[in-house]
Amino acid sequence: MNNEPQFMQVMSFLLELVLTILAIDFISGLIHWAEDTFGSATTPIYGKWIVEPNTLHHAHPSAFISKNWWQSSWDLTLVSGIIVFVSYLNDMLTWHVVLFAFLGANANQLHKYAHMPTAQVPLLVKFFQYIGLLQKAKHHALHHQGQKNNAYCVITPYLNPILDAIGFWRLLEKITVPIFGAPRREDLKK
């Protein structure tokens, strides 16, 4: 009996799973970078909603763990719902889209787990942190050091070392600043 087709199906599924998780980690990192980089507290709509909480978070990293899931994730849930709905309407709804949307809707919650005392982190999340699937507090702490301008991806521990080593975020700023005319924002210091 030849098990090669089953083995290839399992390997293909695992590769797709990993790539889907890394894709949402990258996209959430891009969003995190944009939130942390551009605008001020006085920027219309975006300033009070995004910039002000982010600068507070950089000054006091555990400030946002007191927010409930809905307060932290309503906007990501809305966007994720739109992605799922549009995918459904276009007959493109797959488990990849559902996983992408689920992790995307929970990106802020996963970020919060990296700031919570270990005793408060749910057991399943601790397990995923332990096996290296989700980011631990030690890894995320790199984002809160110095100028707070690296380690933007908050879901896995895998993309940040690569993106930071190749200077991805600084390159992105070199491209976007001339277009949008906004220099990188410096946040409040602790």
C-alpha atoms as a PDB file:
ATOM      1  CA  MET A   1       0.000   0.000   0.000  1.00  0.00           C
ATOM      2  CA  ASN A   2       1.394   3.385  -1.000  1.00  0.00           C
ATOM      3  CA  ASN A   3       0.881   6.135   1.602  1.00  0.00           C
ATOM      4  CA  GLU A   4       2.707   8.790  -0.406  1.00  0.00           C
ATOM      5  CA  PRO A   5      -0.447  10.646  -1.546  1.00  0.00           C
ATOM      6  CA  GLN A   6      -1.703  10.863   2.065  1.00  0.00           C
ATOM      7  CA  PHE A   7       1.709  12.011   3.269  1.00  0.00           C
ATOM      8  CA  MET A   8       1.790  14.713   0.579  1.00  0.00           C
ATOM      9  CA  GLN A   9      -1.727  15.833   1.520  1.00  0.00           C
ATOM     10  CA  VAL A  10      -0.722  16.131   5.175  1.00  0.00           C
ATOM     11  CA  MET A  11       2.451  18.014   4.267  1.00  0.00           C
ATOM     12  CA  SER A  12       0.507  20.313   1.948  1.00  0.00           C
ATOM     13  CA  PHE A  13      -2.056  21.016   4.683  1.00  0.00           C
ATOM     14  CA  LEU A  14       0.705  21.778   7.232  1.00  0.00           C
ATOM     15  CA  LEU A  15       2.464  24.100   4.796  1.00  0.00           C
ATOM     16  CA  GLU A  16      -0.797  25.933   4.062  1.00  0.00           C
ATOM     17  CA  LEU A  17      -1.508  26.184   7.795  1.00  0.00           C
ATOM     18  CA  VAL A  18       1.914  27.668   8.540  1.00  0.00           C
ATOM     19  CA  LEU A  19       1.714  30.096   5.602  1.00  0.00           C
ATOM     20  CA  THR A  20      -1.765  31.242   6.646  1.00  0.00           C
ATOM     21  CA  ILE A  21      -0.605  31.912  10.213  1.00  0.00           C
ATOM     22  CA  LEU A  22       2.494  33.749   8.983  1.00  0.00           C
ATOM     23  CA  ALA A  23       0.369  35.775   6.539  1.00  0.00           C
ATOM     24  CA  ILE A  24      -1.883  37.140   9.292  1.00  0.00           C
ATOM     25  CA  ASP A  25       1.137  37.706  11.520  1.00  0.00           C
ATOM     26  CA  PHE A  26       2.718  39.777   8.732  1.00  0.00           C
ATOM     27  CA  ILE A  27      -0.464  41.728   7.961  1.00  0.00           C
ATOM     28  CA  SER A  28      -1.074  42.429  11.659  1.00  0.00           C
ATOM     29  CA  GLY A  29       2.569  43.535  11.887  1.00  0.00           C
ATOM     30  CA  LEU A  30       2.053  45.966   9.006  1.00  0.00           C
ATOM     31  CA  ILE A  31      -1.009  47.392  10.734  1.00  0.00           C
ATOM     32  CA  HIS A  32       0.862  47.607  14.047  1.00  0.00           C
ATOM     33  CA  TRP A  33       3.755  49.378  12.299  1.00  0.00           C
ATOM     34  CA  ALA A  34       1.378  51.920  10.704  1.00  0.00           C
ATOM     35  CA  GLU A  35      -0.393  52.507  14.024  1.00  0.00           C
ATOM     36  CA  ASP A  36       2.904  53.023  15.841  1.00  0.00           C
ATOM     37  CA  THR A  37       4.523  55.115  13.135  1.00  0.00           C
ATOM     38  CA  PHE A  38       2.154  57.682  11.702  1.00  0.00           C
ATOM     39  CA  GLY A  39      -0.241  60.249  13.076  1.00  0.00           C
ATOM     40  CA  SER A  40      -0.639  62.056  16.356  1.00  0.00           C
ATOM     41  CA  ALA A  41      -3.305  62.266  19.025  1.00  0.00           C
ATOM     42  CA  THR A  42      -4.801  65.207  17.084  1.00  0.00           C
ATOM     43  CA  THR A  43      -5.071  63.365  13.748  1.00  0.00           C
ATOM     44  CA  PRO A  44      -8.798  63.332  12.889  1.00  0.00           C
ATOM     45  CA  ILE A  45     -10.601  60.085  13.877  1.00  0.00           C
ATOM     46  CA  TYR A  46      -7.433  57.974  13.770  1.00  0.00           C
ATOM     47  CA  GLY A  47      -5.653  60.012  16.482  1.00  0.00           C
ATOM     48  CA  LYS A  48      -8.018  59.430  19.398  1.00  0.00           C
ATOM     49  CA  TRP A  49      -8.977  55.919  18.287  1.00  0.00           C
ATOM     50  CA  ILE A  50      -5.521  54.507  17.417  1.00  0.00           C
ATOM     51  CA  VAL A  51      -2.563  56.823  18.092  1.00  0.00           C
ATOM     52  CA  GLU A  52      -3.423  57.959  21.597  1.00  0.00           C
ATOM     53  CA  PRO A  53      -3.962  54.413  22.962  1.00  0.00           C
ATOM     54  CA  ASN A  54      -0.761  53.236  21.231  1.00  0.00           C
ATOM     55  CA  THR A  55       1.391  55.987  22.702  1.00  0.00           C
ATOM     56  CA  LEU A  56      -0.111  55.234  26.117  1.00  0.00           C
ATOM     57  CA  HIS A  57       0.660  51.549  25.556  1.00  0.00           C
ATOM     58  CA  HIS A  58       4.288  52.372  24.770  1.00  0.00           C
ATOM     59  CA  ALA A  59       4.600  54.517  27.887  1.00  0.00           C
ATOM     60  CA  HIS A  60       2.781  51.949  30.051  1.00  0.00           C
ATOM     61  CA  PRO A  61       2.845  48.551  28.247  1.00  0.00           C
ATOM     62  CA  SER A  62       0.320  46.836  30.512  1.00  0.00           C
ATOM     63  CA  ALA A  63      -2.216  49.688  30.301  1.00  0.00           C
ATOM     64  CA  PHE A  64      -4.389  47.949  27.729  1.00  0.00           C
ATOM     65  CA  ILE A  65      -4.725  44.547  29.406  1.00  0.00           C
ATOM     66  CA  SER A  66      -7.610  45.862  31.496  1.00  0.00           C
ATOM     67  CA  LYS A  67      -9.731  46.292  28.336  1.00  0.00           C
ATOM     68  CA  ASN A  68     -12.136  43.455  27.641  1.00  0.00           C
ATOM     69  CA  TRP A  69     -12.053  41.465  24.409  1.00  0.00           C
ATOM     70  CA  TRP A  70     -14.694  43.606  22.698  1.00  0.00           C
ATOM     71  CA  GLN A  71     -12.968  46.892  23.589  1.00  0.00           C
ATOM     72  CA  SER A  72      -9.704  45.550  22.184  1.00  0.00           C
ATOM     73  CA  SER A  73     -11.028  43.721  19.161  1.00  0.00           C
ATOM     74  CA  TRP A  74     -14.276  45.199  17.827  1.00  0.00           C
ATOM     75  CA  ASP A  75     -12.563  46.894  14.895  1.00  0.00           C
ATOM     76  CA  LEU A  76     -10.497  43.842  13.948  1.00  0.00           C
ATOM     77  CA  THR A  77     -13.621  41.687  14.239  1.00  0.00           C
ATOM     78  CA  LEU A  78     -15.488  44.021  11.902  1.00  0.00           C
ATOM     79  CA  VAL A  79     -12.715  43.874   9.285  1.00  0.00           C
ATOM     80  CA  SER A  80     -12.421  40.099   9.681  1.00  0.00           C
ATOM     81  CA  GLY A  81     -16.177  39.729   9.247  1.00  0.00           C
ATOM     82  CA  ILE A  82     -16.026  41.775   6.059  1.00  0.00           C
ATOM     83  CA  ILE A  83     -13.195  39.570   4.746  1.00  0.00           C
ATOM     84  CA  VAL A  84     -15.204  36.411   5.456  1.00  0.00           C
ATOM     85  CA  PHE A  85     -18.395  37.880   3.953  1.00  0.00           C
ATOM     86  CA  VAL A  86     -16.684  39.089   0.765  1.00  0.00           C
ATOM     87  CA  SER A  87     -14.909  35.744   0.429  1.00  0.00           C
ATOM     88  CA  TYR A  88     -18.255  33.964   0.811  1.00  0.00           C
ATOM     89  CA  LEU A  89     -19.957  36.194  -1.768  1.00  0.00           C
ATOM     90  CA  ASN A  90     -17.142  35.489  -4.228  1.00  0.00           C
ATOM     91  CA  ASP A  91     -17.188  31.733  -3.559  1.00  0.00           C
ATOM     92  CA  MET A  92     -13.672  31.977  -2.128  1.00  0.00           C
ATOM     93  CA  LEU A  93     -14.411  31.083   1.481  1.00  0.00           C
ATOM     94  CA  THR A  94     -11.935  28.411   2.582  1.00  0.00           C
ATOM     95  CA  TRP A  95     -10.546  27.297   5.919  1.00  0.00           C
ATOM     96  CA  HIS A  96      -7.545  29.542   5.144  1.00  0.00           C
ATOM     97  CA  VAL A  97      -9.781  32.623   5.073  1.00  0.00           C
ATOM     98  CA  VAL A  98     -11.589  31.554   8.245  1.00  0.00           C
ATOM     99  CA  LEU A  99      -8.307  30.971  10.108  1.00  0.00           C
ATOM    100  CA  PHE A 100      -6.857  34.241   8.791  1.00  0.00           C
ATOM    101  CA  ALA A 101      -9.983  36.131   9.911  1.00  0.00           C
ATOM    102  CA  PHE A 102     -10.116  34.396  13.295  1.00  0.00           C
ATOM    103  CA  LEU A 103      -6.473  35.162  14.103  1.00  0.00           C
ATOM    104  CA  GLY A 104      -6.824  38.670  12.708  1.00  0.00           C
ATOM    105  CA  ALA A 105      -9.867  39.367  14.869  1.00  0.00           C
ATOM    106  CA  ASN A 106      -7.888  38.173  17.893  1.00  0.00           C
ATOM    107  CA  ALA A 107      -4.529  39.812  17.132  1.00  0.00           C
ATOM    108  CA  ASN A 108      -4.972  42.404  19.893  1.00  0.00           C
ATOM    109  CA  GLN A 109      -5.972  39.693  22.347  1.00  0.00           C
ATOM    110  CA  LEU A 110      -2.888  37.646  21.441  1.00  0.00           C
ATOM    111  CA  HIS A 111      -0.867  40.843  21.894  1.00  0.00           C
ATOM    112  CA  LYS A 112      -2.429  41.305  25.345  1.00  0.00           C
ATOM    113  CA  TYR A 113      -1.423  37.770  26.372  1.00  0.00           C
ATOM    114  CA  ALA A 114       2.208  38.778  25.798  1.00  0.00           C
ATOM    115  CA  HIS A 115       1.720  41.523  28.431  1.00  0.00           C
ATOM    116  CA  MET A 116      -0.244  39.591  31.044  1.00  0.00           C
ATOM    117  CA  PRO A 117       1.281  37.907  34.064  1.00  0.00           C
ATOM    118  CA  THR A 118       1.733  34.216  33.231  1.00  0.00           C
ATOM    119  CA  ALA A 119      -0.825  33.195  35.859  1.00  0.00           C
ATOM    120  CA  GLN A 120      -3.532  35.155  33.987  1.00  0.00           C
ATOM    121  CA  VAL A 121      -2.808  33.681  30.547  1.00  0.00           C
ATOM    122  CA  PRO A 122      -5.271  30.901  29.606  1.00  0.00           C
ATOM    123  CA  LEU A 123      -3.793  27.408  29.699  1.00  0.00           C
ATOM    124  CA  LEU A 124      -4.275  26.749  25.980  1.00  0.00           C
ATOM    125  CA  VAL A 125      -2.518  30.017  25.091  1.00  0.00           C
ATOM    126  CA  LYS A 126       0.336  29.135  27.475  1.00  0.00           C
ATOM    127  CA  PHE A 127       0.649  25.779  25.719  1.00  0.00           C
ATOM    128  CA  PHE A 128       0.832  27.441  22.283  1.00  0.00           C
ATOM    129  CA  GLN A 129       3.404  29.899  23.660  1.00  0.00           C
ATOM    130  CA  TYR A 130       5.387  27.021  25.151  1.00  0.00           C
ATOM    131  CA  ILE A 131       5.536  25.076  21.880  1.00  0.00           C
ATOM    132  CA  GLY A 132       6.495  28.258  20.001  1.00  0.00           C
ATOM    133  CA  LEU A 133       3.321  28.758  17.978  1.00  0.00           C
ATOM    134  CA  LEU A 134       2.366  31.993  19.756  1.00  0.00           C
ATOM    135  CA  GLN A 135       4.619  34.787  20.890  1.00  0.00           C
ATOM    136  CA  LYS A 136       5.788  34.830  24.516  1.00  0.00           C
ATOM    137  CA  ALA A 137       6.205  37.944  26.633  1.00  0.00           C
ATOM    138  CA  LYS A 138      10.000  37.670  26.356  1.00  0.00           C
ATOM    139  CA  HIS A 139       9.852  37.913  22.565  1.00  0.00           C
ATOM    140  CA  HIS A 140       7.307  40.742  22.509  1.00  0.00           C
ATOM    141  CA  ALA A 141       9.368  42.706  25.038  1.00  0.00           C
ATOM    142  CA  LEU A 142      11.776  43.446  22.175  1.00  0.00           C
ATOM    143  CA  HIS A 143       9.135  45.796  20.737  1.00  0.00           C
ATOM    144  CA  HIS A 144       9.055  47.840  23.934  1.00  0.00           C
ATOM    145  CA  GLN A 145      12.797  48.487  24.119  1.00  0.00           C
ATOM    146  CA  GLY A 146      14.624  51.554  22.851  1.00  0.00           C
ATOM    147  CA  GLN A 147      12.745  53.491  20.181  1.00  0.00           C
ATOM    148  CA  LYS A 148       9.929  50.907  19.995  1.00  0.00           C
ATOM    149  CA  ASN A 149      10.428  50.654  16.249  1.00  0.00           C
ATOM    150  CA  ASN A 150      10.923  46.938  15.681  1.00  0.00           C
ATOM    151  CA  ALA A 151       9.255  43.566  16.402  1.00  0.00           C
ATOM    152  CA  TYR A 152       5.832  44.707  15.176  1.00  0.00           C
ATOM    153  CA  CYS A 153       4.396  41.240  14.514  1.00  0.00           C
ATOM    154  CA  VAL A 154       2.548  40.079  17.642  1.00  0.00           C
ATOM    155  CA  ILE A 155       1.232  36.621  16.826  1.00  0.00           C
ATOM    156  CA  THR A 156       4.270  34.388  16.258  1.00  0.00           C
ATOM    157  CA  PRO A 157       7.938  34.723  17.226  1.00  0.00           C
ATOM    158  CA  TYR A 158       9.157  33.901  13.704  1.00  0.00           C
ATOM    159  CA  LEU A 159       8.772  36.941  11.448  1.00  0.00           C
ATOM    160  CA  ASN A 160      10.197  39.673  13.676  1.00  0.00           C
ATOM    161  CA  PRO A 161      13.820  38.438  13.668  1.00  0.00           C
ATOM    162  CA  ILE A 162      13.762  38.177   9.862  1.00  0.00           C
ATOM    163  CA  LEU A 163      11.997  41.481   9.161  1.00  0.00           C
ATOM    164  CA  ASP A 164      14.150  43.366  11.659  1.00  0.00           C
ATOM    165  CA  ALA A 165      17.399  41.808  10.382  1.00  0.00           C
ATOM    166  CA  ILE A 166      16.709  42.838   6.784  1.00  0.00           C
ATOM    167  CA  GLY A 167      15.640  46.357   7.815  1.00  0.00           C
ATOM    168  CA  PHE A 168      12.130  45.874   6.428  1.00  0.00           C
ATOM    169  CA  TRP A 169      10.429  48.510   8.596  1.00  0.00           C
ATOM    170  CA  ARG A 170      13.032  51.216   7.907  1.00  0.00           C
ATOM    171  CA  LEU A 171      12.802  50.472   4.165  1.00  0.00           C
ATOM    172  CA  LEU A 172       9.026  50.735   4.349  1.00  0.00           C
ATOM    173  CA  GLU A 173       9.406  54.120   6.050  1.00  0.00           C
ATOM    174  CA  LYS A 174      11.825  55.301   3.333  1.00  0.00           C
ATOM    175  CA  ILE A 175       9.173  54.423   0.767  1.00  0.00           C
ATOM    176  CA  THR A 176       6.094  55.775   2.586  1.00  0.00           C
ATOM    177  CA  VAL A 177       7.424  59.021   4.085  1.00  0.00           C
ATOM    178  CA  PRO A 178       8.032  60.694   0.699  1.00  0.00           C
ATOM    179  CA  ILE A 179       4.559  59.607  -0.443  1.00  0.00           C
ATOM    180  CA  PHE A 180       2.602  60.572   2.670  1.00  0.00           C
ATOM    181  CA  GLY A 181       4.942  63.317   3.896  1.00  0.00           C
ATOM    182  CA  ALA A 182       4.871  62.142   7.492  1.00  0.00           C
ATOM    183  CA  PRO A 183       8.056  61.338   9.394  1.00  0.00           C
ATOM    184  CA  ARG A 184       8.073  58.503  11.886  1.00  0.00           C
ATOM    185  CA  ARG A 185       6.358  59.480  15.153  1.00  0.00           C
ATOM    186  CA  GLU A 186       8.415  59.382  18.323  1.00  0.00           C
ATOM    187  CA  ASP A 187       6.365  58.124  21.257  1.00  0.00           C
ATOM    188  CA  LEU A 188       6.428  59.188  24.860  1.00  0.00           C
ATOM    189  CA  LYS A 189       9.209  57.738  26.940  1.00  0.00           C
ATOM    190  CA  LYS A 190       8.500  55.856  30.151  1.00  0.00           C
END
